[in-house]
C-alpha cells in the first residue's frame, strides 16, 4: 500500500510524480490510449488518489501543458535580456534546442504527440506574455529585428519569419529525438547540425548576412 500523503511538500512531490508518469505514458502509447487507472498503476497509487489531484484526464493533460510550456519559457527568460536582436535570436535558437534535447520526453509531449493536447482557451499560461509564453518570446525578438529593418526587404511578414525559424529548430530537434540513436544514419554532431541550420536560416533571411558571427 502506498504511503499516505501528509505534508504540502509530499503532496507537491506526488503531483510531480503523477505528471512525470502521465507524460511518459502519453509519449510511449499515445494520449488517447492511456487511462487514469494506468497512470495510477504506474506509480503504485489508486486512481482515486489521482482524482484528488486532477478532476479528470483532461485536467491532467492541461496541467502537463501548463507545466511544460511554462518550463520552456522560463529557461528562455534571461536570453530575452540580450540587447542585440540578432544575437538574441541566435541565443533563443540554441536555448530552445538545448531544452528539447535535455528534456526529450517533455518535447515529445509538447510537439510530437499525435494531436495537440492543450486547450489554449483554459490554459494558465498568458498568451503573449514573454514571461510565460515561449512563442511570444520568439515573436517579440523577430518583430524587433523586423522593425529595425534587419530582414530582407522582400520579407513583409514577421510572423512568417518567426514560424520559419521555429520550423528549422523543430526539425533538427525532432529528428534527433526520434532518430538520433539509429545506427543506420551517419549523423553529424548535433551541435554542428543546430549551428548550421541556424546559420543557413538567418543568412537567408537577413538583409546583411555578415551580421552573423
N, C-alpha and C. Protein backbone atom coordinates (compact mmCIF):
# COMPACT_ATOMS: atom_id res chain seq x y z
N UNK A 1 0.86 -1.20 0.00
CA UNK A 1 0.00 0.00 0.00
C UNK A 1 0.88 1.24 0.00
N UNK A 2 0.61 2.21 -0.86
CA UNK A 2 1.44 3.43 -0.90
C UNK A 2 1.27 4.24 0.37
N UNK A 3 2.27 5.01 0.74
CA UNK A 3 2.18 5.81 1.97
C UNK A 3 1.14 6.91 1.84
N UNK A 4 0.56 7.28 2.98
CA UNK A 4 -0.37 8.40 2.98
C UNK A 4 0.39 9.71 2.84
N UNK A 5 -0.15 10.61 2.06
CA UNK A 5 0.50 11.89 1.82
C UNK A 5 0.02 12.87 2.88
N UNK A 6 0.96 13.46 3.59
CA UNK A 6 0.58 14.32 4.71
C UNK A 6 0.93 15.78 4.47
N UNK A 7 2.20 16.07 4.22
CA UNK A 7 2.63 17.46 4.15
C UNK A 7 2.40 18.05 2.78
N UNK A 8 2.44 19.39 2.72
CA UNK A 8 2.31 20.08 1.43
C UNK A 8 3.46 19.70 0.50
N UNK A 9 4.65 19.53 1.07
CA UNK A 9 5.80 19.14 0.26
C UNK A 9 5.58 17.76 -0.35
N UNK A 10 5.08 16.83 0.45
CA UNK A 10 4.81 15.47 -0.05
C UNK A 10 3.74 15.50 -1.13
N UNK A 11 2.72 16.33 -0.93
CA UNK A 11 1.67 16.44 -1.94
C UNK A 11 2.24 17.01 -3.25
N UNK A 12 3.11 17.98 -3.12
CA UNK A 12 3.75 18.55 -4.31
C UNK A 12 4.61 17.53 -5.03
N UNK A 13 5.33 16.71 -4.26
CA UNK A 13 6.18 15.68 -4.86
C UNK A 13 5.33 14.63 -5.57
N UNK A 14 4.20 14.27 -4.98
CA UNK A 14 3.33 13.28 -5.63
C UNK A 14 2.72 13.86 -6.90
N UNK A 15 2.38 15.13 -6.89
CA UNK A 15 1.83 15.75 -8.11
C UNK A 15 2.84 15.68 -9.25
N UNK A 16 4.10 15.98 -8.94
CA UNK A 16 5.16 15.89 -9.96
C UNK A 16 5.31 14.45 -10.43
N UNK A 17 5.23 13.49 -9.51
CA UNK A 17 5.35 12.08 -9.86
C UNK A 17 4.23 11.67 -10.82
N UNK A 18 3.02 12.14 -10.54
CA UNK A 18 1.88 11.84 -11.42
C UNK A 18 2.11 12.43 -12.81
N UNK A 19 2.53 13.68 -12.85
CA UNK A 19 2.77 14.34 -14.14
C UNK A 19 3.85 13.63 -14.93
N UNK A 20 4.93 13.25 -14.27
CA UNK A 20 6.03 12.56 -14.96
C UNK A 20 5.57 11.22 -15.52
N UNK A 21 4.80 10.48 -14.73
CA UNK A 21 4.31 9.18 -15.19
C UNK A 21 3.35 9.34 -16.35
N UNK A 22 2.46 10.31 -16.26
CA UNK A 22 1.49 10.55 -17.33
C UNK A 22 2.20 10.95 -18.61
N UNK A 23 3.16 11.85 -18.50
CA UNK A 23 3.90 12.31 -19.68
C UNK A 23 4.57 11.12 -20.39
N UNK A 24 5.25 10.29 -19.60
CA UNK A 24 5.96 9.15 -20.19
C UNK A 24 5.00 8.20 -20.89
N UNK A 25 3.86 7.93 -20.28
CA UNK A 25 2.89 7.02 -20.88
C UNK A 25 2.24 7.63 -22.12
N UNK A 26 1.92 8.92 -22.06
CA UNK A 26 1.32 9.58 -23.22
C UNK A 26 2.27 9.55 -24.42
N UNK A 27 3.56 9.77 -24.15
CA UNK A 27 4.55 9.78 -25.22
C UNK A 27 4.74 8.37 -25.78
N UNK A 28 4.76 7.38 -24.90
CA UNK A 28 5.02 6.00 -25.32
C UNK A 28 3.83 5.39 -26.07
N UNK A 29 2.61 5.65 -25.58
CA UNK A 29 1.46 4.91 -26.10
C UNK A 29 0.43 5.79 -26.80
N UNK A 30 0.55 7.09 -26.68
CA UNK A 30 -0.44 7.98 -27.26
C UNK A 30 -1.45 8.41 -26.21
N UNK A 31 -1.89 9.64 -26.32
CA UNK A 31 -2.75 10.22 -25.29
C UNK A 31 -4.06 9.47 -25.15
N UNK A 32 -4.68 9.13 -26.25
CA UNK A 32 -5.99 8.50 -26.21
C UNK A 32 -5.94 7.11 -25.58
N UNK A 33 -4.81 6.43 -25.69
CA UNK A 33 -4.72 5.04 -25.25
C UNK A 33 -4.48 4.88 -23.76
N UNK A 34 -4.18 5.96 -23.06
CA UNK A 34 -3.79 5.88 -21.64
C UNK A 34 -4.94 6.34 -20.74
N UNK A 35 -5.22 5.56 -19.73
CA UNK A 35 -6.28 5.90 -18.77
C UNK A 35 -5.68 6.40 -17.46
N UNK A 36 -6.51 7.04 -16.67
CA UNK A 36 -6.08 7.49 -15.34
C UNK A 36 -5.67 6.29 -14.48
N UNK A 37 -6.39 5.18 -14.62
CA UNK A 37 -6.07 3.99 -13.85
C UNK A 37 -4.67 3.48 -14.18
N UNK A 38 -4.29 3.52 -15.45
CA UNK A 38 -2.96 3.07 -15.85
C UNK A 38 -1.87 3.99 -15.32
N UNK A 39 -2.15 5.28 -15.31
CA UNK A 39 -1.17 6.22 -14.75
C UNK A 39 -0.98 5.95 -13.26
N UNK A 40 -2.09 5.73 -12.57
CA UNK A 40 -2.01 5.44 -11.13
C UNK A 40 -1.22 4.16 -10.87
N UNK A 41 -1.49 3.14 -11.67
CA UNK A 41 -0.78 1.86 -11.51
C UNK A 41 0.72 2.03 -11.72
N UNK A 42 1.08 2.89 -12.65
CA UNK A 42 2.49 3.12 -12.97
C UNK A 42 3.27 3.62 -11.76
N UNK A 43 2.63 4.37 -10.89
CA UNK A 43 3.32 4.94 -9.73
C UNK A 43 2.92 4.27 -8.42
N UNK A 44 2.09 3.23 -8.50
CA UNK A 44 1.75 2.46 -7.31
C UNK A 44 0.68 3.08 -6.43
N UNK A 45 -0.19 3.90 -7.02
CA UNK A 45 -1.29 4.52 -6.27
C UNK A 45 -2.61 4.11 -6.91
N UNK A 46 -3.69 4.39 -6.23
CA UNK A 46 -5.02 4.11 -6.76
C UNK A 46 -5.46 5.26 -7.67
N UNK A 47 -6.40 4.95 -8.56
CA UNK A 47 -6.95 6.00 -9.41
C UNK A 47 -7.63 7.08 -8.57
N UNK A 48 -8.19 6.68 -7.43
CA UNK A 48 -8.83 7.65 -6.54
C UNK A 48 -7.85 8.73 -6.11
N UNK A 49 -6.61 8.33 -5.84
CA UNK A 49 -5.59 9.30 -5.45
C UNK A 49 -5.37 10.33 -6.55
N UNK A 50 -5.31 9.86 -7.80
CA UNK A 50 -5.11 10.80 -8.90
C UNK A 50 -6.25 11.79 -8.98
N UNK A 51 -7.48 11.33 -8.75
CA UNK A 51 -8.63 12.23 -8.85
C UNK A 51 -8.65 13.25 -7.70
N UNK A 52 -7.87 13.01 -6.67
CA UNK A 52 -7.72 14.02 -5.62
C UNK A 52 -6.87 15.20 -6.09
N UNK A 53 -6.09 14.96 -7.16
CA UNK A 53 -5.19 15.98 -7.68
C UNK A 53 -5.70 16.58 -8.99
N UNK A 54 -6.35 15.76 -9.79
CA UNK A 54 -6.84 16.19 -11.10
C UNK A 54 -8.25 15.68 -11.30
N UNK A 55 -9.15 16.56 -11.68
CA UNK A 55 -10.57 16.19 -11.79
C UNK A 55 -10.81 15.08 -12.79
N UNK A 56 -10.04 15.08 -13.88
CA UNK A 56 -10.18 14.07 -14.91
C UNK A 56 -8.92 14.08 -15.78
N UNK A 57 -8.92 13.25 -16.80
CA UNK A 57 -7.74 13.14 -17.66
C UNK A 57 -7.47 14.44 -18.39
N UNK A 58 -8.52 15.14 -18.81
CA UNK A 58 -8.32 16.42 -19.49
C UNK A 58 -7.64 17.44 -18.58
N UNK A 59 -8.02 17.43 -17.30
CA UNK A 59 -7.37 18.35 -16.34
C UNK A 59 -5.90 17.99 -16.16
N UNK A 60 -5.61 16.70 -16.17
CA UNK A 60 -4.22 16.25 -16.07
C UNK A 60 -3.42 16.68 -17.30
N UNK A 61 -4.03 16.51 -18.47
CA UNK A 61 -3.38 16.95 -19.70
C UNK A 61 -3.08 18.44 -19.66
N UNK A 62 -4.06 19.20 -19.21
CA UNK A 62 -3.88 20.65 -19.17
C UNK A 62 -2.77 21.04 -18.21
N UNK A 63 -2.70 20.35 -17.07
CA UNK A 63 -1.64 20.62 -16.10
C UNK A 63 -0.27 20.32 -16.70
N UNK A 64 -0.19 19.24 -17.47
CA UNK A 64 1.07 18.93 -18.15
C UNK A 64 1.45 20.01 -19.14
N UNK A 65 0.47 20.46 -19.92
CA UNK A 65 0.73 21.53 -20.88
C UNK A 65 1.26 22.78 -20.19
N UNK A 66 0.54 23.20 -19.15
CA UNK A 66 0.93 24.40 -18.43
C UNK A 66 2.34 24.26 -17.85
N UNK A 67 2.62 23.09 -17.26
CA UNK A 67 3.91 22.86 -16.62
C UNK A 67 5.05 22.88 -17.64
N UNK A 68 4.86 22.17 -18.75
CA UNK A 68 5.96 22.00 -19.71
C UNK A 68 6.19 23.25 -20.55
N UNK A 69 5.12 23.89 -21.01
CA UNK A 69 5.30 25.10 -21.81
C UNK A 69 5.85 26.25 -20.96
N UNK A 70 5.44 26.31 -19.69
CA UNK A 70 6.00 27.33 -18.81
C UNK A 70 7.48 27.07 -18.54
N UNK A 71 7.85 25.79 -18.41
CA UNK A 71 9.26 25.45 -18.19
C UNK A 71 10.12 25.91 -19.36
N UNK A 72 9.63 25.74 -20.58
CA UNK A 72 10.37 26.21 -21.76
C UNK A 72 10.55 27.73 -21.72
N UNK A 73 9.47 28.45 -21.47
CA UNK A 73 9.55 29.92 -21.44
C UNK A 73 10.47 30.39 -20.32
N UNK A 74 10.42 29.71 -19.19
CA UNK A 74 11.25 30.12 -18.05
C UNK A 74 12.73 30.00 -18.38
N UNK A 75 13.10 28.95 -19.10
CA UNK A 75 14.52 28.78 -19.46
C UNK A 75 15.00 29.85 -20.43
N UNK A 76 14.09 30.49 -21.13
CA UNK A 76 14.46 31.49 -22.13
C UNK A 76 14.47 32.93 -21.57
N UNK A 77 14.02 33.12 -20.34
CA UNK A 77 13.82 34.49 -19.82
C UNK A 77 15.10 35.32 -19.84
N UNK A 78 16.20 34.75 -19.39
CA UNK A 78 17.45 35.52 -19.34
C UNK A 78 17.91 35.90 -20.75
N UNK A 79 17.66 35.03 -21.70
CA UNK A 79 18.04 35.30 -23.08
C UNK A 79 17.33 36.54 -23.60
N UNK A 80 16.10 36.77 -23.15
CA UNK A 80 15.32 37.90 -23.63
C UNK A 80 15.93 39.24 -23.24
N UNK A 81 16.91 39.23 -22.34
CA UNK A 81 17.56 40.46 -21.91
C UNK A 81 18.72 40.87 -22.84
N UNK A 82 19.12 40.01 -23.75
CA UNK A 82 20.21 40.33 -24.68
C UNK A 82 19.77 41.49 -25.56
N UNK A 83 20.52 42.59 -25.62
CA UNK A 83 20.04 43.78 -26.34
C UNK A 83 20.02 43.65 -27.85
N UNK A 84 21.01 43.01 -28.44
CA UNK A 84 21.07 42.90 -29.90
C UNK A 84 20.06 41.86 -30.38
N UNK A 85 19.13 42.22 -31.26
CA UNK A 85 18.07 41.27 -31.65
C UNK A 85 18.58 40.04 -32.38
N UNK A 86 19.61 40.18 -33.20
CA UNK A 86 20.13 39.02 -33.92
C UNK A 86 20.82 38.07 -32.95
N UNK A 87 21.60 38.60 -32.04
CA UNK A 87 22.23 37.75 -31.03
C UNK A 87 21.17 37.09 -30.15
N UNK A 88 20.08 37.81 -29.91
CA UNK A 88 19.00 37.23 -29.10
C UNK A 88 18.32 36.08 -29.85
N UNK A 89 18.08 36.26 -31.14
CA UNK A 89 17.51 35.17 -31.94
C UNK A 89 18.43 33.95 -31.90
N UNK A 90 19.73 34.19 -32.06
CA UNK A 90 20.68 33.08 -32.04
C UNK A 90 20.65 32.36 -30.68
N UNK A 91 20.60 33.16 -29.61
CA UNK A 91 20.58 32.56 -28.28
C UNK A 91 19.28 31.81 -28.01
N UNK A 92 18.15 32.37 -28.47
CA UNK A 92 16.87 31.67 -28.33
C UNK A 92 16.91 30.35 -29.09
N UNK A 93 17.48 30.39 -30.27
CA UNK A 93 17.57 29.19 -31.10
C UNK A 93 18.31 28.09 -30.34
N UNK A 94 19.48 28.42 -29.82
CA UNK A 94 20.27 27.42 -29.10
C UNK A 94 19.59 27.03 -27.79
N UNK A 95 18.98 27.99 -27.10
CA UNK A 95 18.30 27.67 -25.85
C UNK A 95 17.14 26.72 -26.06
N UNK A 96 16.38 26.96 -27.11
CA UNK A 96 15.24 26.10 -27.43
C UNK A 96 15.73 24.68 -27.72
N UNK A 97 16.77 24.55 -28.53
CA UNK A 97 17.28 23.24 -28.87
C UNK A 97 17.83 22.52 -27.64
N UNK A 98 18.50 23.24 -26.77
CA UNK A 98 19.03 22.61 -25.56
C UNK A 98 17.90 22.12 -24.66
N UNK A 99 16.82 22.90 -24.56
CA UNK A 99 15.67 22.44 -23.78
C UNK A 99 15.12 21.14 -24.36
N UNK A 100 14.94 21.11 -25.68
CA UNK A 100 14.39 19.92 -26.33
C UNK A 100 15.27 18.70 -26.10
N UNK A 101 16.57 18.86 -26.23
CA UNK A 101 17.47 17.72 -26.13
C UNK A 101 17.71 17.28 -24.69
N UNK A 102 17.60 18.21 -23.75
CA UNK A 102 17.76 17.86 -22.33
C UNK A 102 16.47 17.30 -21.74
N UNK A 103 15.34 17.61 -22.36
CA UNK A 103 14.03 17.15 -21.86
C UNK A 103 13.25 16.50 -23.01
N UNK A 104 13.76 15.41 -23.56
CA UNK A 104 13.11 14.82 -24.74
C UNK A 104 11.69 14.35 -24.49
N UNK A 105 11.39 13.85 -23.29
CA UNK A 105 10.03 13.41 -23.00
C UNK A 105 9.08 14.60 -23.00
N UNK A 106 9.50 15.71 -22.39
CA UNK A 106 8.70 16.93 -22.41
C UNK A 106 8.46 17.37 -23.86
N UNK A 107 9.53 17.35 -24.65
CA UNK A 107 9.42 17.86 -26.02
C UNK A 107 8.52 16.97 -26.87
N UNK A 108 8.63 15.67 -26.70
CA UNK A 108 7.74 14.77 -27.42
C UNK A 108 6.29 15.07 -27.09
N UNK A 109 6.02 15.24 -25.80
CA UNK A 109 4.65 15.52 -25.38
C UNK A 109 4.16 16.85 -25.95
N UNK A 110 5.00 17.87 -25.91
CA UNK A 110 4.60 19.20 -26.33
C UNK A 110 4.40 19.32 -27.84
N UNK A 111 5.31 18.71 -28.62
CA UNK A 111 5.35 18.99 -30.05
C UNK A 111 5.34 17.76 -30.97
N UNK A 112 5.34 16.55 -30.40
CA UNK A 112 5.45 15.37 -31.23
C UNK A 112 4.38 14.32 -30.93
N UNK A 113 3.34 14.69 -30.20
CA UNK A 113 2.24 13.77 -29.92
C UNK A 113 1.27 13.78 -31.10
N UNK A 114 0.44 12.73 -31.25
CA UNK A 114 -0.44 12.64 -32.41
C UNK A 114 -1.43 13.77 -32.56
N UNK A 115 -1.83 14.38 -31.46
CA UNK A 115 -2.76 15.51 -31.55
C UNK A 115 -2.31 16.58 -30.57
N UNK A 116 -2.73 17.81 -30.79
CA UNK A 116 -2.40 18.89 -29.87
C UNK A 116 -3.15 18.66 -28.57
N UNK A 117 -2.44 18.46 -27.44
CA UNK A 117 -3.12 18.10 -26.21
C UNK A 117 -3.61 19.28 -25.39
N UNK A 118 -3.27 20.48 -25.79
CA UNK A 118 -3.52 21.63 -24.92
C UNK A 118 -4.76 22.41 -25.34
N UNK A 119 -5.55 22.78 -24.37
CA UNK A 119 -6.69 23.66 -24.61
C UNK A 119 -6.25 25.07 -24.29
N UNK A 120 -5.94 25.83 -25.33
CA UNK A 120 -5.38 27.17 -25.12
C UNK A 120 -6.43 28.15 -24.61
N UNK A 121 -7.70 27.72 -24.56
CA UNK A 121 -8.74 28.60 -24.03
C UNK A 121 -8.76 28.61 -22.51
N UNK A 122 -8.23 27.55 -21.89
CA UNK A 122 -8.29 27.47 -20.43
C UNK A 122 -6.90 27.37 -19.79
N UNK A 123 -5.86 27.52 -20.61
CA UNK A 123 -4.52 27.42 -20.06
C UNK A 123 -4.26 28.50 -19.01
N UNK A 124 -3.38 28.17 -18.08
CA UNK A 124 -2.96 29.14 -17.08
C UNK A 124 -1.80 29.99 -17.57
N UNK A 125 -1.32 29.69 -18.76
CA UNK A 125 -0.25 30.49 -19.36
C UNK A 125 -0.89 31.64 -20.14
N UNK A 126 -0.41 32.84 -19.88
CA UNK A 126 -0.95 34.02 -20.56
C UNK A 126 -0.30 34.16 -21.93
N UNK A 127 -1.08 33.93 -22.97
CA UNK A 127 -0.55 34.05 -24.32
C UNK A 127 -0.10 35.49 -24.59
N UNK A 128 1.07 35.60 -25.19
CA UNK A 128 1.63 36.91 -25.48
C UNK A 128 2.50 37.47 -24.38
N UNK A 129 2.48 36.83 -23.21
CA UNK A 129 3.30 37.25 -22.07
C UNK A 129 4.67 36.60 -22.20
N UNK A 130 5.71 37.38 -22.43
CA UNK A 130 7.04 36.82 -22.67
C UNK A 130 7.66 36.20 -21.42
N UNK A 131 7.03 36.37 -20.27
CA UNK A 131 7.47 35.67 -19.07
C UNK A 131 6.98 34.23 -19.06
N UNK A 132 5.92 33.95 -19.83
CA UNK A 132 5.27 32.64 -19.74
C UNK A 132 5.14 31.92 -21.09
N UNK A 133 5.21 32.65 -22.18
CA UNK A 133 4.87 32.12 -23.50
C UNK A 133 6.12 32.13 -24.38
N UNK A 134 6.67 30.94 -24.67
CA UNK A 134 7.92 30.85 -25.44
C UNK A 134 7.74 31.34 -26.87
N UNK A 135 6.58 31.08 -27.45
CA UNK A 135 6.38 31.55 -28.82
C UNK A 135 6.31 33.08 -28.85
N UNK A 136 5.73 33.67 -27.84
CA UNK A 136 5.70 35.13 -27.74
C UNK A 136 7.11 35.69 -27.65
N UNK A 137 8.01 34.97 -26.98
CA UNK A 137 9.40 35.41 -26.90
C UNK A 137 10.01 35.50 -28.31
N UNK A 138 9.78 34.46 -29.10
CA UNK A 138 10.29 34.46 -30.47
C UNK A 138 9.63 35.56 -31.29
N UNK A 139 8.33 35.71 -31.16
CA UNK A 139 7.62 36.76 -31.89
C UNK A 139 8.18 38.14 -31.60
N UNK A 140 8.42 38.42 -30.33
CA UNK A 140 8.88 39.75 -29.91
C UNK A 140 10.25 40.05 -30.50
N UNK A 141 11.18 39.10 -30.40
CA UNK A 141 12.53 39.38 -30.88
C UNK A 141 12.55 39.46 -32.41
N UNK A 142 11.75 38.65 -33.09
CA UNK A 142 11.67 38.75 -34.55
C UNK A 142 11.05 40.08 -34.95
N UNK A 143 10.02 40.50 -34.24
CA UNK A 143 9.39 41.78 -34.55
C UNK A 143 10.36 42.94 -34.33
N UNK A 144 11.17 42.84 -33.29
CA UNK A 144 12.18 43.87 -33.02
C UNK A 144 13.16 43.98 -34.18
N UNK A 145 13.64 42.83 -34.66
CA UNK A 145 14.56 42.83 -35.80
C UNK A 145 13.87 43.30 -37.07
N UNK A 146 12.60 42.93 -37.21
CA UNK A 146 11.83 43.35 -38.39
C UNK A 146 11.65 44.87 -38.41
N UNK A 147 11.30 45.44 -37.25
CA UNK A 147 11.11 46.89 -37.16
C UNK A 147 12.41 47.64 -37.40
N UNK A 148 13.52 47.01 -37.08
CA UNK A 148 14.84 47.63 -37.31
C UNK A 148 15.32 47.40 -38.74
N UNK A 149 14.47 46.80 -39.58
CA UNK A 149 14.75 46.55 -40.99
C UNK A 149 16.01 45.69 -41.18
N UNK A 150 16.13 44.67 -40.34
CA UNK A 150 17.28 43.79 -40.43
C UNK A 150 17.05 42.62 -41.38
N UNK A 151 15.78 42.37 -41.71
CA UNK A 151 15.48 41.27 -42.63
C UNK A 151 15.43 41.77 -44.07
N UNK A 152 15.49 40.85 -45.02
CA UNK A 152 15.46 41.20 -46.43
C UNK A 152 14.24 42.07 -46.75
N UNK A 153 14.37 43.04 -47.63
CA UNK A 153 13.27 43.96 -47.91
C UNK A 153 12.06 43.30 -48.56
N UNK A 154 12.25 42.12 -49.16
CA UNK A 154 11.12 41.43 -49.78
C UNK A 154 10.32 40.60 -48.79
N UNK A 155 10.76 40.57 -47.53
CA UNK A 155 10.04 39.84 -46.49
C UNK A 155 9.16 40.82 -45.74
N UNK A 156 7.86 40.62 -45.83
CA UNK A 156 6.91 41.60 -45.28
C UNK A 156 6.08 41.07 -44.11
N UNK A 157 6.36 39.86 -43.65
CA UNK A 157 5.53 39.24 -42.62
C UNK A 157 6.42 38.71 -41.51
N UNK A 158 6.46 39.41 -40.38
CA UNK A 158 7.32 38.98 -39.28
C UNK A 158 6.84 37.65 -38.69
N UNK A 159 5.53 37.40 -38.74
CA UNK A 159 5.00 36.14 -38.22
C UNK A 159 5.52 34.96 -39.04
N UNK A 160 5.57 35.14 -40.36
CA UNK A 160 6.11 34.09 -41.22
C UNK A 160 7.57 33.83 -40.90
N UNK A 161 8.34 34.87 -40.68
CA UNK A 161 9.76 34.71 -40.34
C UNK A 161 9.90 33.92 -39.04
N UNK A 162 9.11 34.27 -38.02
CA UNK A 162 9.18 33.57 -36.73
C UNK A 162 8.85 32.09 -36.91
N UNK A 163 7.83 31.80 -37.72
CA UNK A 163 7.41 30.42 -37.89
C UNK A 163 8.43 29.60 -38.67
N UNK A 164 9.11 30.21 -39.62
CA UNK A 164 10.16 29.51 -40.34
C UNK A 164 11.35 29.21 -39.43
N UNK A 165 11.72 30.17 -38.59
CA UNK A 165 12.79 29.92 -37.63
C UNK A 165 12.41 28.79 -36.69
N UNK A 166 11.17 28.79 -36.22
CA UNK A 166 10.70 27.72 -35.34
C UNK A 166 10.73 26.38 -36.06
N UNK A 167 10.29 26.36 -37.31
CA UNK A 167 10.28 25.11 -38.08
C UNK A 167 11.68 24.52 -38.20
N UNK A 168 12.67 25.37 -38.41
CA UNK A 168 14.04 24.89 -38.50
C UNK A 168 14.52 24.30 -37.19
N UNK A 169 14.24 24.98 -36.09
CA UNK A 169 14.61 24.46 -34.77
C UNK A 169 13.95 23.12 -34.51
N UNK A 170 12.64 23.07 -34.79
CA UNK A 170 11.89 21.85 -34.52
C UNK A 170 12.39 20.69 -35.38
N UNK A 171 12.72 20.97 -36.61
CA UNK A 171 13.19 19.91 -37.49
C UNK A 171 14.44 19.24 -36.96
N UNK A 172 15.42 20.03 -36.56
CA UNK A 172 16.66 19.47 -36.03
C UNK A 172 16.39 18.69 -34.74
N UNK A 173 15.60 19.29 -33.84
CA UNK A 173 15.35 18.66 -32.54
C UNK A 173 14.54 17.38 -32.66
N UNK A 174 13.48 17.43 -33.45
CA UNK A 174 12.61 16.26 -33.54
C UNK A 174 13.32 15.09 -34.21
N UNK A 175 14.14 15.35 -35.23
CA UNK A 175 14.91 14.28 -35.85
C UNK A 175 15.89 13.66 -34.86
N UNK A 176 16.54 14.49 -34.08
CA UNK A 176 17.49 13.97 -33.09
C UNK A 176 16.78 13.12 -32.05
N UNK A 177 15.64 13.61 -31.55
CA UNK A 177 14.91 12.87 -30.52
C UNK A 177 14.34 11.57 -31.07
N UNK A 178 13.82 11.61 -32.29
CA UNK A 178 13.17 10.43 -32.85
C UNK A 178 14.17 9.42 -33.42
N UNK A 179 15.26 9.90 -34.02
CA UNK A 179 16.15 9.01 -34.77
C UNK A 179 17.62 9.15 -34.40
N UNK A 180 17.93 9.93 -33.40
CA UNK A 180 19.33 10.22 -33.08
C UNK A 180 20.15 9.02 -32.70
N UNK A 181 19.50 7.95 -32.24
CA UNK A 181 20.24 6.75 -31.83
C UNK A 181 20.24 5.66 -32.90
N UNK A 182 19.69 5.96 -34.06
CA UNK A 182 19.66 4.97 -35.13
C UNK A 182 21.05 4.82 -35.74
N UNK A 183 21.53 3.59 -35.79
CA UNK A 183 22.90 3.35 -36.25
C UNK A 183 23.02 3.37 -37.77
N UNK A 184 21.90 3.28 -38.50
CA UNK A 184 21.98 3.29 -39.96
C UNK A 184 22.22 4.69 -40.51
N UNK A 185 22.05 5.71 -39.66
CA UNK A 185 22.32 7.09 -40.07
C UNK A 185 23.68 7.52 -39.58
N UNK A 186 24.48 8.08 -40.47
CA UNK A 186 25.78 8.61 -40.08
C UNK A 186 25.60 10.07 -39.70
N UNK A 187 25.02 10.30 -38.53
CA UNK A 187 24.69 11.65 -38.10
C UNK A 187 25.95 12.48 -37.84
N UNK A 188 25.93 13.71 -38.31
CA UNK A 188 26.93 14.68 -37.86
C UNK A 188 26.61 15.03 -36.40
N UNK A 189 27.57 15.62 -35.71
CA UNK A 189 27.34 16.00 -34.33
C UNK A 189 26.12 16.92 -34.22
N UNK A 190 25.32 16.73 -33.18
CA UNK A 190 24.08 17.50 -33.05
C UNK A 190 24.36 19.00 -32.97
N UNK A 191 25.41 19.40 -32.28
CA UNK A 191 25.72 20.83 -32.19
C UNK A 191 26.04 21.41 -33.57
N UNK A 192 26.71 20.62 -34.41
CA UNK A 192 27.01 21.09 -35.77
C UNK A 192 25.72 21.25 -36.57
N UNK A 193 24.78 20.34 -36.39
CA UNK A 193 23.50 20.45 -37.11
C UNK A 193 22.70 21.66 -36.65
N UNK A 194 22.69 21.88 -35.34
CA UNK A 194 21.98 23.04 -34.81
C UNK A 194 22.58 24.33 -35.35
N UNK A 195 23.90 24.44 -35.29
CA UNK A 195 24.57 25.68 -35.72
C UNK A 195 24.40 25.93 -37.20
N UNK A 196 24.51 24.89 -38.01
CA UNK A 196 24.39 25.08 -39.45
C UNK A 196 22.96 25.45 -39.84
N UNK A 197 21.98 24.80 -39.22
CA UNK A 197 20.59 25.16 -39.53
C UNK A 197 20.32 26.62 -39.18
N UNK A 198 20.79 27.04 -38.02
CA UNK A 198 20.62 28.44 -37.62
C UNK A 198 21.31 29.38 -38.61
N UNK A 199 22.53 29.05 -38.99
CA UNK A 199 23.30 29.89 -39.90
C UNK A 199 22.62 29.99 -41.26
N UNK A 200 22.17 28.86 -41.80
CA UNK A 200 21.52 28.86 -43.11
C UNK A 200 20.25 29.69 -43.08
N UNK A 201 19.44 29.50 -42.05
CA UNK A 201 18.18 30.25 -41.97
C UNK A 201 18.41 31.75 -41.84
N UNK A 202 19.27 32.14 -40.91
CA UNK A 202 19.46 33.56 -40.67
C UNK A 202 20.14 34.25 -41.86
N UNK A 203 21.12 33.60 -42.46
CA UNK A 203 21.78 34.21 -43.62
C UNK A 203 20.81 34.35 -44.79
N UNK A 204 19.85 33.45 -44.88
CA UNK A 204 18.86 33.56 -45.93
C UNK A 204 17.79 34.60 -45.66
N UNK A 205 17.62 34.98 -44.39
CA UNK A 205 16.57 35.92 -44.02
C UNK A 205 17.06 37.36 -43.86
N UNK A 206 18.32 37.53 -43.50
CA UNK A 206 18.82 38.85 -43.13
C UNK A 206 19.18 39.70 -44.36
N UNK A 207 18.98 41.01 -44.20
CA UNK A 207 19.40 41.97 -45.21
C UNK A 207 20.92 41.99 -45.35
N UNK A 208 21.60 41.88 -44.22
CA UNK A 208 23.07 41.87 -44.21
C UNK A 208 23.54 40.57 -43.53
N UNK A 209 23.70 39.51 -44.29
CA UNK A 209 24.06 38.21 -43.69
C UNK A 209 25.36 38.24 -42.90
N UNK A 210 26.25 39.21 -43.17
CA UNK A 210 27.50 39.25 -42.45
C UNK A 210 27.33 39.68 -40.99
N UNK A 211 26.10 39.99 -40.58
CA UNK A 211 25.85 40.25 -39.17
C UNK A 211 26.01 38.97 -38.34
N UNK A 212 25.93 37.84 -39.00
CA UNK A 212 26.07 36.56 -38.29
C UNK A 212 27.53 36.33 -37.96
N UNK A 213 27.76 36.04 -36.70
CA UNK A 213 29.14 35.78 -36.25
C UNK A 213 29.21 34.40 -35.62
